[in-house]
Amino acid sequence: MNPEVKAKKERIVYTAHQRAQAVLSVWTERRRPSEVCHELGINTILLAQWQERALAGMLSALEPRCRPETQRGSALSERLERLLARQSLVQEGKRVKLERRLTKLQQEPSSSPPPKEK
């Protein structure tokens, strides 16, 4: 065979939007995979790869977005953690003062005169 006679088929690069449309049209059963492949001039293996990548992309997009080191510890930043700790110490101090005052008031004899009997 003469190499000049056999022309090389130009490879068409499809955009992500075109690939997504092809995959979604198959997934929604609007078109059969063979129709999509024929229309785009691709083979079924390539369409299957697009479907796998689309599914993997959806799964990774739906994963929680927090970083692994954040998942182990707190979901709050260090600054917020410090502010919360400081606020809880203040609240704890107020509670302790109120408990002491209540105890002191309960232990003191009543300074008011007893009620008169009729």
Protein backbone atom coordinates (compact mmCIF):
# COMPACT_ATOMS: atom_id res chain seq x y z
CA MET A 1 0.00 0.00 0.00
CA ASN A 2 1.12 3.45 -0.84
CA PRO A 3 1.33 5.69 2.28
CA GLU A 4 0.14 8.68 0.29
CA VAL A 5 -3.10 6.94 -0.66
CA LYS A 6 -4.00 6.08 2.92
CA ALA A 7 -4.74 9.45 4.51
CA LYS A 8 -4.35 9.74 8.24
CA LYS A 9 -7.57 10.39 10.05
CA GLU A 10 -7.33 13.61 12.03
CA ARG A 11 -7.99 13.14 15.67
CA ILE A 12 -10.82 15.30 16.93
CA VAL A 13 -10.47 16.69 20.45
CA TYR A 14 -13.80 17.06 22.19
CA THR A 15 -14.41 19.65 24.89
CA ALA A 16 -15.49 18.72 28.37
CA HIS A 17 -18.92 20.12 27.59
CA GLN A 18 -19.28 17.90 24.54
CA ARG A 19 -18.16 14.85 26.48
CA ALA A 20 -20.59 15.63 29.30
CA GLN A 21 -23.45 16.01 26.82
CA ALA A 22 -22.59 12.67 25.23
CA VAL A 23 -22.42 10.87 28.59
CA LEU A 24 -25.59 12.47 29.90
CA SER A 25 -27.53 11.67 26.75
CA VAL A 26 -26.63 8.00 27.25
CA TRP A 27 -27.35 8.07 31.00
CA THR A 28 -30.73 9.71 30.51
CA GLU A 29 -31.50 7.17 27.77
CA ARG A 30 -32.23 9.87 25.20
CA ARG A 31 -29.79 8.14 22.82
CA ARG A 32 -28.16 4.77 22.62
CA PRO A 33 -24.38 4.50 23.06
CA SER A 34 -24.01 3.32 19.46
CA GLU A 35 -25.81 6.45 18.21
CA VAL A 36 -23.52 8.73 20.21
CA CYS A 37 -20.42 6.90 19.02
CA HIS A 38 -21.53 7.08 15.39
CA GLU A 39 -22.42 10.76 15.64
CA LEU A 40 -19.11 11.74 17.25
CA GLY A 41 -16.99 9.29 15.29
CA ILE A 42 -15.61 7.55 18.38
CA ASN A 43 -15.52 3.93 19.48
CA THR A 44 -17.47 2.47 22.37
CA ILE A 45 -14.34 2.05 24.47
CA LEU A 46 -13.73 5.80 24.46
CA LEU A 47 -17.36 6.50 25.41
CA ALA A 48 -17.06 4.00 28.26
CA GLN A 49 -13.93 5.79 29.49
CA TRP A 50 -15.78 9.11 29.42
CA GLN A 51 -18.58 7.57 31.47
CA GLU A 52 -16.13 6.21 34.04
CA ARG A 53 -14.38 9.58 34.33
CA ALA A 54 -17.73 11.36 34.67
CA LEU A 55 -18.80 9.05 37.47
CA ALA A 56 -15.45 9.41 39.24
CA GLY A 57 -15.71 13.19 38.91
CA MET A 58 -19.19 13.22 40.43
CA LEU A 59 -18.08 11.07 43.34
CA SER A 60 -15.06 13.25 44.09
CA ALA A 61 -17.15 16.42 43.77
CA LEU A 62 -19.65 15.11 46.31
CA GLU A 63 -17.03 14.21 48.93
CA PRO A 64 -16.78 16.52 51.96
CA ARG A 65 -14.52 19.46 51.21
CA CYS A 66 -12.66 19.65 54.52
CA ARG A 67 -9.00 18.77 54.61
CA PRO A 68 -7.89 15.39 56.08
CA GLU A 69 -6.06 17.03 59.00
CA THR A 70 -9.21 18.99 59.82
CA GLN A 71 -11.33 15.84 59.84
CA ARG A 72 -9.21 14.32 62.62
CA GLY A 73 -9.39 17.40 64.81
CA SER A 74 -11.87 20.15 65.06
CA ALA A 75 -13.76 21.63 62.16
CA LEU A 76 -13.05 25.12 63.52
CA SER A 77 -9.98 27.21 62.86
CA GLU A 78 -7.39 27.68 65.60
CA ARG A 79 -8.50 31.27 66.12
CA LEU A 80 -12.12 30.25 66.68
CA GLU A 81 -11.01 27.46 68.99
CA ARG A 82 -9.10 29.97 71.14
CA LEU A 83 -12.05 32.37 71.22
CA LEU A 84 -14.42 29.59 72.26
CA ALA A 85 -12.02 28.38 74.94
CA ARG A 86 -11.66 31.91 76.32
CA GLN A 87 -15.42 32.42 76.31
CA SER A 88 -16.04 29.11 78.08
CA LEU A 89 -13.49 30.08 80.78
CA VAL A 90 -15.31 33.37 81.31
CA GLN A 91 -18.65 31.58 81.56
CA GLU A 92 -17.17 29.00 83.94
CA GLY A 93 -15.80 31.81 86.14
CA LYS A 94 -19.21 33.49 86.27
CA ARG A 95 -20.86 30.19 87.18
CA VAL A 96 -18.37 29.53 89.98
CA LYS A 97 -18.91 33.03 91.42
CA LEU A 98 -22.68 32.56 91.35
CA GLU A 99 -22.39 29.17 93.06
CA ARG A 100 -20.21 30.65 95.82
CA ARG A 101 -22.63 33.52 96.34
CA LEU A 102 -25.61 31.15 96.48
CA THR A 103 -23.84 28.92 99.01
CA LYS A 104 -22.95 31.94 101.13
CA LEU A 105 -26.53 33.23 101.04
CA GLN A 106 -27.90 29.83 101.99
CA GLN A 107 -25.53 29.54 104.97
CA GLU A 108 -26.22 33.02 106.41
CA PRO A 109 -29.12 33.30 108.85
CA SER A 110 -31.93 35.36 107.56
CA SER A 111 -31.56 39.00 108.62
CA SER A 112 -35.23 39.68 108.23
CA PRO A 113 -37.48 39.13 111.23
CA PRO A 114 -39.57 35.97 111.31
CA PRO A 115 -43.14 36.38 110.02
CA LYS A 116 -45.71 37.38 112.63
CA GLU A 117 -48.28 34.85 113.61
CA LYS A 118 -51.90 35.93 113.72
